[in-house]
C-alpha atoms as a PDB file:
ATOM      1  CA  MET A   1      90.626 117.955  82.835  1.00  0.00           C
ATOM      2  CA  MET A   2      86.691 117.274  81.358  1.00  0.00           C
ATOM      3  CA  ASP A   3      83.912 119.671  82.017  1.00  0.00           C
ATOM      4  CA  LYS A   4      81.913 118.710  84.886  1.00  0.00           C
ATOM      5  CA  SER A   5      79.118 116.053  83.294  1.00  0.00           C
ATOM      6  CA  ALA A   6      81.876 114.345  81.576  1.00  0.00           C
ATOM      7  CA  ALA A   7      83.998 114.156  84.683  1.00  0.00           C
ATOM      8  CA  ASP A   8      81.089 112.763  86.783  1.00  0.00           C
ATOM      9  CA  ALA A   9      80.451 109.893  84.190  1.00  0.00           C
ATOM     10  CA  TYR A  10      84.524 109.510  83.788  1.00  0.00           C
ATOM     11  CA  VAL A  11      85.285 109.213  87.982  1.00  0.00           C
ATOM     12  CA  TYR A  12      81.929 107.391  88.242  1.00  0.00           C
ATOM     13  CA  ALA A  13      82.861 104.499  86.525  1.00  0.00           C
ATOM     14  CA  LYS A  14      86.211 104.585  87.683  1.00  0.00           C
ATOM     15  CA  VAL A  15      85.238 104.816  90.987  1.00  0.00           C
ATOM     16  CA  SER A  16      82.744 101.646  90.922  1.00  0.00           C
ATOM     17  CA  GLY A  17      85.584  99.257  89.788  1.00  0.00           C
ATOM     18  CA  MET A  18      88.015 100.532  92.491  1.00  0.00           C
ATOM     19  CA  LEU A  19      85.491 100.115  94.948  1.00  0.00           C
ATOM     20  CA  SER A  20      84.122  96.311  94.026  1.00  0.00           C
ATOM     21  CA  ALA A  21      87.848  95.675  94.948  1.00  0.00           C
ATOM     22  CA  SER A  22      88.185  97.771  97.949  1.00  0.00           C
ATOM     23  CA  TYR A  23      89.357  96.355 101.458  1.00  0.00           C
ATOM     24  CA  SER A  24      86.143  97.625 103.206  1.00  0.00           C
ATOM     25  CA  GLY A  25      82.865  96.391 104.757  1.00  0.00           C
ATOM     26  CA  LYS A  26      82.421  92.558 104.034  1.00  0.00           C
ATOM     27  CA  ASN A  27      85.377  92.522 101.922  1.00  0.00           C
ATOM     28  CA  ALA A  28      87.576  93.642 105.217  1.00  0.00           C
ATOM     29  CA  GLU A  29      87.328  90.293 106.004  1.00  0.00           C
ATOM     30  CA  LYS A  30      90.267  88.935 103.848  1.00  0.00           C
ATOM     31  CA  LEU A  31      92.303  91.740 105.262  1.00  0.00           C
ATOM     32  CA  TYR A  32      91.665  90.441 108.583  1.00  0.00           C
ATOM     33  CA  SER A  33      92.180  86.565 107.617  1.00  0.00           C
ATOM     34  CA  ALA A  34      95.578  87.615 106.950  1.00  0.00           C
ATOM     35  CA  LYS A  35      97.986  85.486 109.096  1.00  0.00           C
ATOM     36  CA  SER A  36     101.224  87.554 108.400  1.00  0.00           C
ATOM     37  CA  LEU A  37     102.503  90.728 107.241  1.00  0.00           C
ATOM     38  CA  THR A  38     104.031  88.923 104.508  1.00  0.00           C
ATOM     39  CA  GLU A  39     100.719  87.447 103.717  1.00  0.00           C
ATOM     40  CA  LEU A  40      98.997  91.106 104.179  1.00  0.00           C
ATOM     41  CA  TYR A  41     101.643  92.299 101.581  1.00  0.00           C
ATOM     42  CA  SER A  42     101.276  89.737  98.647  1.00  0.00           C
ATOM     43  CA  LEU A  43      97.438  90.242  98.837  1.00  0.00           C
ATOM     44  CA  LEU A  44      97.774  94.032  98.829  1.00  0.00           C
ATOM     45  CA  PHE A  45     100.457  95.003  96.571  1.00  0.00           C
ATOM     46  CA  GLU A  46     101.990  93.417  93.772  1.00  0.00           C
ATOM     47  CA  GLY A  47     105.686  92.365  92.907  1.00  0.00           C
ATOM     48  CA  GLU A  48     108.214  90.753  95.921  1.00  0.00           C
ATOM     49  CA  VAL A  49     107.906  91.362  99.395  1.00  0.00           C
ATOM     50  CA  PRO A  50     110.714  93.566 100.739  1.00  0.00           C
ATOM     51  CA  ALA A  51     113.120  91.718 102.744  1.00  0.00           C
ATOM     52  CA  ILE A  52     112.940  94.219 106.079  1.00  0.00           C
ATOM     53  CA  PRO A  53     111.961  93.675 109.645  1.00  0.00           C
ATOM     54  CA  GLU A  54     108.624  92.888 110.541  1.00  0.00           C
ATOM     55  CA  ASN A  55     108.244  96.516 112.238  1.00  0.00           C
ATOM     56  CA  LEU A  56     109.613  98.287 109.074  1.00  0.00           C
ATOM     57  CA  LEU A  57     107.318  96.011 106.806  1.00  0.00           C
ATOM     58  CA  ALA A  58     104.391  97.340 108.725  1.00  0.00           C
ATOM     59  CA  LYS A  59     104.935 100.649 108.544  1.00  0.00           C
ATOM     60  CA  GLU A  60     105.695 100.184 104.360  1.00  0.00           C
ATOM     61  CA  ILE A  61     102.322  98.306 104.141  1.00  0.00           C
ATOM     62  CA  GLU A  62     100.665 101.334 105.576  1.00  0.00           C
ATOM     63  CA  GLU A  63     102.192 104.158 104.469  1.00  0.00           C
ATOM     64  CA  LYS A  64     102.142 102.563 100.637  1.00  0.00           C
ATOM     65  CA  SER A  65      98.568 101.750 100.771  1.00  0.00           C
ATOM     66  CA  VAL A  66      97.963 105.557 102.005  1.00  0.00           C
ATOM     67  CA  ARG A  67     100.368 106.935  98.937  1.00  0.00           C
ATOM     68  CA  ALA A  68      98.678 104.592  96.629  1.00  0.00           C
ATOM     69  CA  PHE A  69      94.817 106.078  97.959  1.00  0.00           C
ATOM     70  CA  ILE A  70      96.485 109.605  97.806  1.00  0.00           C
ATOM     71  CA  LYS A  71      97.433 109.357  94.007  1.00  0.00           C
ATOM     72  CA  GLN A  72      94.521 107.785  92.884  1.00  0.00           C
ATOM     73  CA  TYR A  73      92.149 110.362  94.444  1.00  0.00           C
ATOM     74  CA  CYS A  74      94.190 112.960  93.293  1.00  0.00           C
ATOM     75  CA  HIS A  75      94.058 111.547  89.670  1.00  0.00           C
ATOM     76  CA  LEU A  76      90.506 111.751  89.981  1.00  0.00           C
ATOM     77  CA  VAL A  77      89.981 115.099  91.393  1.00  0.00           C
ATOM     78  CA  GLU A  78      92.221 116.293  88.277  1.00  0.00           C
ATOM     79  CA  CYS A  79      89.397 115.450  86.077  1.00  0.00           C
ATOM     80  CA  TYR A  80      87.500 118.200  87.170  1.00  0.00           C
ATOM     81  CA  SER A  81      88.280 122.078  85.855  1.00  0.00           C
ATOM     82  CA  GLN A  82      87.006 123.277  89.185  1.00  0.00           C
ATOM     83  CA  PRO A  83      86.433 120.658  92.020  1.00  0.00           C
ATOM     84  CA  GLN A  84      83.665 120.747  94.329  1.00  0.00           C
ATOM     85  CA  LYS A  85      85.251 122.227  97.776  1.00  0.00           C
ATOM     86  CA  ILE A  86      83.842 119.643  99.236  1.00  0.00           C
ATOM     87  CA  LEU A  87      86.620 117.257  97.568  1.00  0.00           C
ATOM     88  CA  LEU A  88      89.698 119.213  98.375  1.00  0.00           C
ATOM     89  CA  THR A  89      88.760 119.586 101.949  1.00  0.00           C
ATOM     90  CA  LEU A  90      88.201 116.015 102.435  1.00  0.00           C
ATOM     91  CA  LEU A  91      91.521 115.281 100.999  1.00  0.00           C
ATOM     92  CA  GLN A  92      93.280 118.185 102.519  1.00  0.00           C
ATOM     93  CA  SER A  93      92.978 116.657 106.157  1.00  0.00           C
ATOM     94  CA  TYR A  94      96.023 114.866 105.751  1.00  0.00           C
ATOM     95  CA  ASP A  95      97.631 118.881 105.626  1.00  0.00           C
ATOM     96  CA  TYR A  96      96.199 118.901 109.087  1.00  0.00           C
ATOM     97  CA  GLY A  97      97.452 115.628 110.227  1.00  0.00           C
ATOM     98  CA  ASN A  98     101.222 116.790 108.749  1.00  0.00           C
ATOM     99  CA  LEU A  99     100.774 120.330 110.486  1.00  0.00           C
ATOM    100  CA  LYS A 100     100.466 118.460 114.087  1.00  0.00           C
ATOM    101  CA  MET A 101     103.955 115.907 113.300  1.00  0.00           C
ATOM    102  CA  ILE A 102     105.914 118.657 111.889  1.00  0.00           C
ATOM    103  CA  ALA A 103     105.015 120.946 114.981  1.00  0.00           C
ATOM    104  CA  GLY A 104     105.166 117.983 117.522  1.00  0.00           C
ATOM    105  CA  ALA A 105     108.903 117.316 115.410  1.00  0.00           C
ATOM    106  CA  LEU A 106     109.960 120.572 115.656  1.00  0.00           C
ATOM    107  CA  CYS A 107     108.446 121.419 119.574  1.00  0.00           C
ATOM    108  CA  MET A 108     111.510 118.124 120.114  1.00  0.00           C
ATOM    109  CA  LYS A 109     113.965 119.738 118.539  1.00  0.00           C
ATOM    110  CA  GLU A 110     114.374 117.512 115.646  1.00  0.00           C
ATOM    111  CA  THR A 111     116.346 118.422 112.403  1.00  0.00           C
ATOM    112  CA  LYS A 112     114.749 116.283 109.938  1.00  0.00           C
ATOM    113  CA  CYS A 113     111.338 116.957 108.566  1.00  0.00           C
ATOM    114  CA  PRO A 114     108.982 113.756 109.573  1.00  0.00           C
ATOM    115  CA  GLU A 115     107.800 111.969 106.699  1.00  0.00           C
ATOM    116  CA  VAL A 116     104.419 113.790 105.513  1.00  0.00           C
ATOM    117  CA  ILE A 117     101.424 113.208 102.523  1.00  0.00           C
ATOM    118  CA  ASP A 118     102.406 115.673  99.954  1.00  0.00           C
ATOM    119  CA  LEU A 119      99.649 116.650  98.280  1.00  0.00           C
ATOM    120  CA  LYS A 120     101.126 118.589  95.750  1.00  0.00           C
ATOM    121  CA  GLU A 121      99.098 121.098  94.390  1.00  0.00           C
ATOM    122  CA  TYR A 122      95.943 120.275  96.444  1.00  0.00           C
ATOM    123  CA  SER A 123      98.521 120.977  99.561  1.00  0.00           C
ATOM    124  CA  LEU A 124      97.886 123.803 102.192  1.00  0.00           C
ATOM    125  CA  LEU A 125     101.572 123.413 103.325  1.00  0.00           C
ATOM    126  CA  ASP A 126     104.848 124.423 102.024  1.00  0.00           C
ATOM    127  CA  TYR A 127     107.134 121.718 103.270  1.00  0.00           C
ATOM    128  CA  GLY A 128     110.438 122.891 101.497  1.00  0.00           C
ATOM    129  CA  GLY A 129     110.251 125.409 104.137  1.00  0.00           C
ATOM    130  CA  TRP A 130     111.518 123.437 107.086  1.00  0.00           C
ATOM    131  CA  PRO A 131     112.230 123.639 109.508  1.00  0.00           C
ATOM    132  CA  ASP A 132     110.683 127.423 109.432  1.00  0.00           C
ATOM    133  CA  ILE A 133     107.140 126.880 110.691  1.00  0.00           C
ATOM    134  CA  LYS A 134     105.710 130.214 109.227  1.00  0.00           C
ATOM    135  CA  LYS A 135     107.225 129.412 105.600  1.00  0.00           C
ATOM    136  CA  ILE A 136     105.587 126.132 105.849  1.00  0.00           C
ATOM    137  CA  THR A 137     101.984 127.129 106.453  1.00  0.00           C
ATOM    138  CA  GLY A 138     102.502 130.428 104.550  1.00  0.00           C
ATOM    139  CA  LYS A 139      99.556 132.747 103.670  1.00  0.00           C
ATOM    140  CA  ASP A 140      96.814 130.435 103.134  1.00  0.00           C
ATOM    141  CA  ARG A 141      94.270 129.332 106.164  1.00  0.00           C
ATOM    142  CA  LEU A 142      96.658 128.326 108.187  1.00  0.00           C
ATOM    143  CA  SER A 143      98.745 130.896 108.749  1.00  0.00           C
ATOM    144  CA  TRP A 144      98.288 132.009 112.251  1.00  0.00           C
ATOM    145  CA  TYR A 145     100.327 128.483 113.178  1.00  0.00           C
ATOM    146  CA  ASP A 146     103.342 130.700 112.854  1.00  0.00           C
ATOM    147  CA  ARG A 147     105.461 129.681 115.948  1.00  0.00           C
ATOM    148  CA  VAL A 148     106.390 126.481 117.354  1.00  0.00           C
ATOM    149  CA  PRO A 149     104.260 125.273 120.119  1.00  0.00           C
ATOM    150  CA  ASP A 150     105.736 124.482 123.593  1.00  0.00           C
ATOM    151  CA  ILE A 151     104.796 121.149 124.626  1.00  0.00           C
ATOM    152  CA  SER A 152     102.068 122.352 127.234  1.00  0.00           C
ATOM    153  CA  GLU A 153     100.717 124.106 124.314  1.00  0.00           C
ATOM    154  CA  GLN A 154     100.564 121.130 121.969  1.00  0.00           C
ATOM    155  CA  GLN A 155      97.416 120.058 122.887  1.00  0.00           C
ATOM    156  CA  VAL A 156      95.699 123.281 122.876  1.00  0.00           C
ATOM    157  CA  MET A 157      96.794 123.553 119.240  1.00  0.00           C
ATOM    158  CA  ASP A 158      96.000 120.266 117.888  1.00  0.00           C
ATOM    159  CA  THR A 159      92.490 120.977 119.194  1.00  0.00           C
ATOM    160  CA  LYS A 160      92.595 124.698 117.202  1.00  0.00           C
ATOM    161  CA  LEU A 161      93.639 122.526 114.227  1.00  0.00           C
ATOM    162  CA  ASP A 162      90.884 119.727 115.132  1.00  0.00           C
ATOM    163  CA  PHE A 163      88.170 122.703 114.902  1.00  0.00           C
ATOM    164  CA  GLN A 164      89.163 124.569 112.363  1.00  0.00           C
ATOM    165  CA  TYR A 165      89.214 121.504 110.032  1.00  0.00           C
ATOM    166  CA  LEU A 166      85.748 120.683 111.015  1.00  0.00           C
ATOM    167  CA  ARG A 167      84.494 124.837 110.446  1.00  0.00           C
ATOM    168  CA  ASP A 168      86.073 123.989 106.510  1.00  0.00           C
ATOM    169  CA  LEU A 169      84.505 120.590 105.898  1.00  0.00           C
ATOM    170  CA  TRP A 170      81.039 121.905 107.491  1.00  0.00           C
ATOM    171  CA  ASP A 171      81.804 125.060 105.034  1.00  0.00           C
ATOM    172  CA  ALA A 172      82.571 122.852 102.370  1.00  0.00           C
ATOM    173  CA  ALA A 173      79.578 120.885 102.371  1.00  0.00           C
ATOM    174  CA  CYS A 174      77.335 123.799 102.238  1.00  0.00           C
ATOM    175  CA  LYS A 175      78.823 124.753  99.285  1.00  0.00           C
ATOM    176  CA  THR A 176      78.498 121.732  97.770  1.00  0.00           C
ATOM    177  CA  GLU A 177      76.546 121.453  94.517  1.00  0.00           C
ATOM    178  CA  ALA A 178      72.720 122.125  94.914  1.00  0.00           C
ATOM    179  CA  SER A 179      71.500 118.721  93.775  1.00  0.00           C
ATOM    180  CA  VAL A 180      73.328 117.014  96.728  1.00  0.00           C
ATOM    181  CA  LYS A 181      73.975 119.909  99.316  1.00  0.00           C
ATOM    182  CA  ASN A 182      71.763 117.934 101.701  1.00  0.00           C
ATOM    183  CA  GLN A 183      72.744 114.840 101.772  1.00  0.00           C
ATOM    184  CA  ILE A 184      76.437 115.713 102.135  1.00  0.00           C
ATOM    185  CA  LYS A 185      75.505 118.282 104.557  1.00  0.00           C
ATOM    186  CA  ALA A 186      73.415 115.399 106.625  1.00  0.00           C
ATOM    187  CA  LEU A 187      76.382 112.750 106.318  1.00  0.00           C
ATOM    188  CA  VAL A 188      79.060 115.635 107.788  1.00  0.00           C
ATOM    189  CA  ALA A 189      76.653 116.775 110.221  1.00  0.00           C
ATOM    190  CA  GLU A 190      76.314 113.193 111.585  1.00  0.00           C
ATOM    191  CA  GLU A 191      80.150 112.091 111.687  1.00  0.00           C
ATOM    192  CA  ILE A 192      80.817 115.212 113.520  1.00  0.00           C
ATOM    193  CA  LYS A 193      78.158 114.849 116.073  1.00  0.00           C
ATOM    194  CA  ILE A 194      78.840 111.346 116.417  1.00  0.00           C
ATOM    195  CA  ARG A 195      82.513 111.926 117.027  1.00  0.00           C
ATOM    196  CA  ASN A 196      81.636 114.875 119.428  1.00  0.00           C
ATOM    197  CA  ILE A 197      79.420 111.923 121.093  1.00  0.00           C
ATOM    198  CA  VAL A 198      82.467 109.357 121.590  1.00  0.00           C
ATOM    199  CA  TRP A 199      84.621 112.147 123.033  1.00  0.00           C
ATOM    200  CA  ALA A 200      81.900 113.287 125.498  1.00  0.00           C
ATOM    201  CA  MET A 201      81.960 109.844 126.372  1.00  0.00           C
ATOM    202  CA  ARG A 202      85.841 108.972 126.711  1.00  0.00           C
ATOM    203  CA  LEU A 203      86.249 112.560 128.592  1.00  0.00           C
ATOM    204  CA  LYS A 204      83.781 111.329 131.270  1.00  0.00           C
ATOM    205  CA  LEU A 205      84.598 107.587 131.466  1.00  0.00           C
ATOM    206  CA  TYR A 206      88.192 107.371 131.076  1.00  0.00           C
ATOM    207  CA  TYR A 207      89.446 111.425 132.465  1.00  0.00           C
ATOM    208  CA  GLY A 208      86.781 111.627 134.597  1.00  0.00           C
ATOM    209  CA  MET A 209      85.808 115.370 133.458  1.00  0.00           C
ATOM    210  CA  ASP A 210      82.817 117.773 134.454  1.00  0.00           C
ATOM    211  CA  ARG A 211      80.251 119.155 132.149  1.00  0.00           C
ATOM    212  CA  GLU A 212      81.952 122.339 132.002  1.00  0.00           C
ATOM    213  CA  THR A 213      85.307 120.965 130.782  1.00  0.00           C
ATOM    214  CA  VAL A 214      84.205 118.305 128.371  1.00  0.00           C
ATOM    215  CA  CYS A 215      82.312 121.316 126.944  1.00  0.00           C
ATOM    216  CA  GLN A 216      85.306 123.102 125.911  1.00  0.00           C
ATOM    217  CA  LYS A 217      86.574 120.382 124.186  1.00  0.00           C
ATOM    218  CA  LEU A 218      83.592 119.540 121.605  1.00  0.00           C
ATOM    219  CA  PHE A 219      82.992 121.040 118.852  1.00  0.00           C
ATOM    220  CA  PHE A 220      80.161 123.811 117.946  1.00  0.00           C
ATOM    221  CA  GLU A 221      78.480 125.492 115.465  1.00  0.00           C
ATOM    222  CA  ASN A 222      76.927 127.557 117.836  1.00  0.00           C
ATOM    223  CA  PHE A 223      78.319 127.203 121.646  1.00  0.00           C
ATOM    224  CA  LYS A 224      75.706 129.594 122.870  1.00  0.00           C
ATOM    225  CA  SER A 225      72.887 126.394 121.461  1.00  0.00           C
ATOM    226  CA  GLY A 226      74.032 124.422 124.252  1.00  0.00           C
ATOM    227  CA  GLU A 227      71.770 121.149 123.937  1.00  0.00           C
ATOM    228  CA  ALA A 228      70.221 121.985 120.834  1.00  0.00           C
ATOM    229  CA  ASP A 229      73.840 122.643 118.988  1.00  0.00           C
ATOM    230  CA  ILE A 230      73.720 120.733 115.675  1.00  0.00           C
ATOM    231  CA  PHE A 231      77.256 119.074 116.516  1.00  0.00           C
ATOM    232  CA  ALA A 232      77.393 118.811 119.762  1.00  0.00           C
ATOM    233  CA  GLY A 233      73.838 119.074 121.521  1.00  0.00           C
ATOM    234  CA  GLU A 234      73.647 115.159 121.584  1.00  0.00           C
ATOM    235  CA  ALA A 235      77.347 114.884 123.583  1.00  0.00           C
ATOM    236  CA  LEU A 236      76.049 117.018 125.904  1.00  0.00           C
ATOM    237  CA  LYS A 237      72.738 115.531 126.531  1.00  0.00           C
ATOM    238  CA  ILE A 238      74.542 112.415 127.471  1.00  0.00           C
ATOM    239  CA  LEU A 239      76.745 114.170 129.998  1.00  0.00           C
ATOM    240  CA  ASN A 240      73.692 113.740 132.728  1.00  0.00           C
ATOM    241  CA  LYS A 241      73.218 109.873 132.196  1.00  0.00           C
ATOM    242  CA  ASP A 242      74.689 106.779 134.157  1.00  0.00           C
ATOM    243  CA  PHE A 243      77.826 105.663 132.239  1.00  0.00           C
ATOM    244  CA  SER A 244      77.008 102.006 134.029  1.00  0.00           C
ATOM    245  CA  SER A 245      73.233 102.122 133.990  1.00  0.00           C
ATOM    246  CA  PHE A 246      71.844 100.431 130.470  1.00  0.00           C
ATOM    247  CA  GLU A 247      68.360 101.388 131.585  1.00  0.00           C
ATOM    248  CA  GLU A 248      69.427 104.961 131.188  1.00  0.00           C
ATOM    249  CA  TRP A 249      70.500 104.328 127.402  1.00  0.00           C
ATOM    250  CA  LYS A 250      67.944 101.806 126.068  1.00  0.00           C
ATOM    251  CA  ASN A 251      65.926 104.441 124.650  1.00  0.00           C
ATOM    252  CA  TRP A 252      68.732 106.768 123.494  1.00  0.00           C
ATOM    253  CA  LYS A 253      68.632 107.812 120.011  1.00  0.00           C
ATOM    254  CA  TYR A 254      71.779 105.870 118.903  1.00  0.00           C
ATOM    255  CA  ALA A 255      70.531 102.614 120.891  1.00  0.00           C
ATOM    256  CA  GLY A 256      71.413 100.564 118.167  1.00  0.00           C
ATOM    257  CA  LEU A 257      75.016 101.351 118.490  1.00  0.00           C
ATOM    258  CA  LEU A 258      75.612 100.550 122.268  1.00  0.00           C
ATOM    259  CA  ASN A 259      77.567  97.832 123.154  1.00  0.00           C
ATOM    260  CA  PRO A 260      75.456  94.575 124.479  1.00  0.00           C
ATOM    261  CA  HIS A 261      74.095  93.950 127.248  1.00  0.00           C
ATOM    262  CA  GLU A 262      73.122  90.534 129.286  1.00  0.00           C
ATOM    263  CA  GLU A 263      70.967  90.661 132.114  1.00  0.00           C
ATOM    264  CA  GLY A 264      72.376  90.467 135.271  1.00  0.00           C
ATOM    265  CA  VAL A 265      75.465  91.147 133.870  1.00  0.00           C
ATOM    266  CA  VAL A 266      77.595  94.179 135.350  1.00  0.00           C
ATOM    267  CA  TRP A 267      77.499  96.623 132.143  1.00  0.00           C
ATOM    268  CA  GLU A 268      79.368  99.996 131.346  1.00  0.00           C
ATOM    269  CA  ILE A 269      79.125 102.279 127.901  1.00  0.00           C
ATOM    270  CA  ASP A 270      82.102 100.999 125.776  1.00  0.00           C
ATOM    271  CA  PRO A 271      83.130 104.688 123.783  1.00  0.00           C
ATOM    272  CA  ARG A 272      85.129 101.994 121.082  1.00  0.00           C
ATOM    273  CA  TRP A 273      82.164  99.990 120.267  1.00  0.00           C
ATOM    274  CA  VAL A 274      80.012 102.794 119.887  1.00  0.00           C
ATOM    275  CA  GLU A 275      82.503 104.623 117.556  1.00  0.00           C
ATOM    276  CA  ASN A 276      82.960 101.018 115.681  1.00  0.00           C
ATOM    277  CA  ALA A 277      79.186 100.644 115.209  1.00  0.00           C
ATOM    278  CA  PHE A 278      78.682 103.878 113.625  1.00  0.00           C
ATOM    279  CA  ARG A 279      81.703 103.283 111.456  1.00  0.00           C
ATOM    280  CA  ALA A 280      80.483  99.914 109.910  1.00  0.00           C
ATOM    281  CA  GLY A 281      76.800 101.297 109.888  1.00  0.00           C
ATOM    282  CA  LEU A 282      78.423 104.474 108.023  1.00  0.00           C
ATOM    283  CA  VAL A 283      80.289 102.639 105.450  1.00  0.00           C
ATOM    284  CA  LYS A 284      77.348 100.826 104.486  1.00  0.00           C
ATOM    285  CA  LYS A 285      75.417 104.137 104.142  1.00  0.00           C
ATOM    286  CA  TYR A 286      77.892 105.590 101.840  1.00  0.00           C
ATOM    287  CA  SER A 287      77.908 102.440  99.628  1.00  0.00           C
ATOM    288  CA  THR A 288      74.287 102.973  99.313  1.00  0.00           C
ATOM    289  CA  ILE A 289      74.257 106.527  98.303  1.00  0.00           C
ATOM    290  CA  PHE A 290      77.258 105.978  95.730  1.00  0.00           C
ATOM    291  CA  HIS A 291      75.146 104.025  93.760  1.00  0.00           C
ATOM    292  CA  LYS A 292      72.064 106.608  94.571  1.00  0.00           C
ATOM    293  CA  TYR A 293      73.369 109.864  93.315  1.00  0.00           C
ATOM    294  CA  PRO A 294      75.829 108.272  90.656  1.00  0.00           C
ATOM    295  CA  LEU A 295      76.765 111.620  88.472  1.00  0.00           C
ATOM    296  CA  THR A 296      77.513 113.882  91.354  1.00  0.00           C
ATOM    297  CA  SER A 297      80.346 114.912  93.280  1.00  0.00           C
ATOM    298  CA  LEU A 298      79.090 112.472  96.234  1.00  0.00           C
ATOM    299  CA  ALA A 299      80.070 109.516  94.099  1.00  0.00           C
ATOM    300  CA  LEU A 300      83.698 110.671  95.049  1.00  0.00           C
ATOM    301  CA  VAL A 301      82.892 111.770  98.488  1.00  0.00           C
ATOM    302  CA  CYS A 302      82.011 108.091  99.297  1.00  0.00           C
ATOM    303  CA  TYR A 303      84.826 107.024  97.683  1.00  0.00           C
ATOM    304  CA  PHE A 304      87.098 109.087  99.528  1.00  0.00           C
ATOM    305  CA  LYS A 305      85.209 108.044 102.709  1.00  0.00           C
ATOM    306  CA  ILE A 306      84.631 103.904 101.856  1.00  0.00           C
ATOM    307  CA  LYS A 307      88.904 104.294 101.253  1.00  0.00           C
ATOM    308  CA  GLN A 308      89.635 105.551 104.785  1.00  0.00           C
ATOM    309  CA  ASP A 309      87.917 102.871 106.155  1.00  0.00           C
ATOM    310  CA  GLU A 310      89.773 100.821 103.915  1.00  0.00           C
ATOM    311  CA  LEU A 311      93.107 102.571 105.660  1.00  0.00           C
ATOM    312  CA  ASN A 312      91.720 102.142 108.950  1.00  0.00           C
ATOM    313  CA  ASN A 313      91.206  98.055 108.558  1.00  0.00           C
ATOM    314  CA  ILE A 314      94.982  98.150 107.110  1.00  0.00           C
ATOM    315  CA  ARG A 315      96.442  99.821 109.882  1.00  0.00           C
ATOM    316  CA  TYR A 316      94.449  97.761 112.886  1.00  0.00           C
ATOM    317  CA  VAL A 317      95.475  94.380 110.863  1.00  0.00           C
ATOM    318  CA  THR A 318      99.347  95.322 110.667  1.00  0.00           C
ATOM    319  CA  GLU A 319      99.268  96.210 114.131  1.00  0.00           C
ATOM    320  CA  GLY A 320      97.745  93.448 115.228  1.00  0.00           C
ATOM    321  CA  LEU A 321     100.419  91.207 113.239  1.00  0.00           C
ATOM    322  CA  ARG A 322     102.927  93.467 114.208  1.00  0.00           C
ATOM    323  CA  LEU A 323     102.115  92.941 117.915  1.00  0.00           C
ATOM    324  CA  GLY A 324     101.693  89.576 117.546  1.00  0.00           C
ATOM    325  CA  GLY A 325     104.792  88.645 115.634  1.00  0.00           C
ATOM    326  CA  GLU A 326     106.829  90.333 118.999  1.00  0.00           C
END
């Protein structure tokens, strides 16, 4: 461990090299150019390609990529004697995903613990407590999840977990070091806002949910704020729009994220396009901010987010190659 200034300098130097070699942004094209899972494995890792079936190789590529990232990220966090809360909260998003898997496995009466991403000393969960979910969630902030949900309850519990994580993330952003607090808060708020917008689009477009039902599934800072809410306000505003009328969307605040419109051709908003466009823009933003605030915790926040994009790209490519080979 080092003092903060030394740790910031070391982390920035290490991360600069790692990001230059990451498969994110334009560099992601190298992943998408792979013609087979074997070729993709060789691109990402050293050593011989495992002699296993395609579906298992796809799983190995994804899991090995995540393990490598977690190991690198934890090593960087360990440089700080007192890491900023935002750095740990980002990492602990994996705990929330793990808890969903564990609860699902126990709900289905499975006897073997699913493969989890163990964050070791940074974990909120005690995986050695399997199959006792109360022991797994322990006495930390997930201790309320103390029983196995019925199948009918799983979605509700997953949503509750999602909302708690977003509250934790926002709280961590608000407690970040003063020099970059406003920047981190703006980035976190924007991500949550777009997440709500895309979710609202999907719920209305694919499931035909009315406004009241959609509201219950969005994350608010203050539910009573309605359309003025920092997180859910923009999502609520779009619910009154016609999803098949480009005219109603062309002057929207986020019109630059919309799927293309061609005069005379039937158009309908595409939530996936909106989400992917936002993700691509966000990666560029994090790349720029990384160099703008080098000796702060924001550098490691940017690293986490850019590497998450890389992992998403790896997952998309492995899934495409696996399905293409079937």
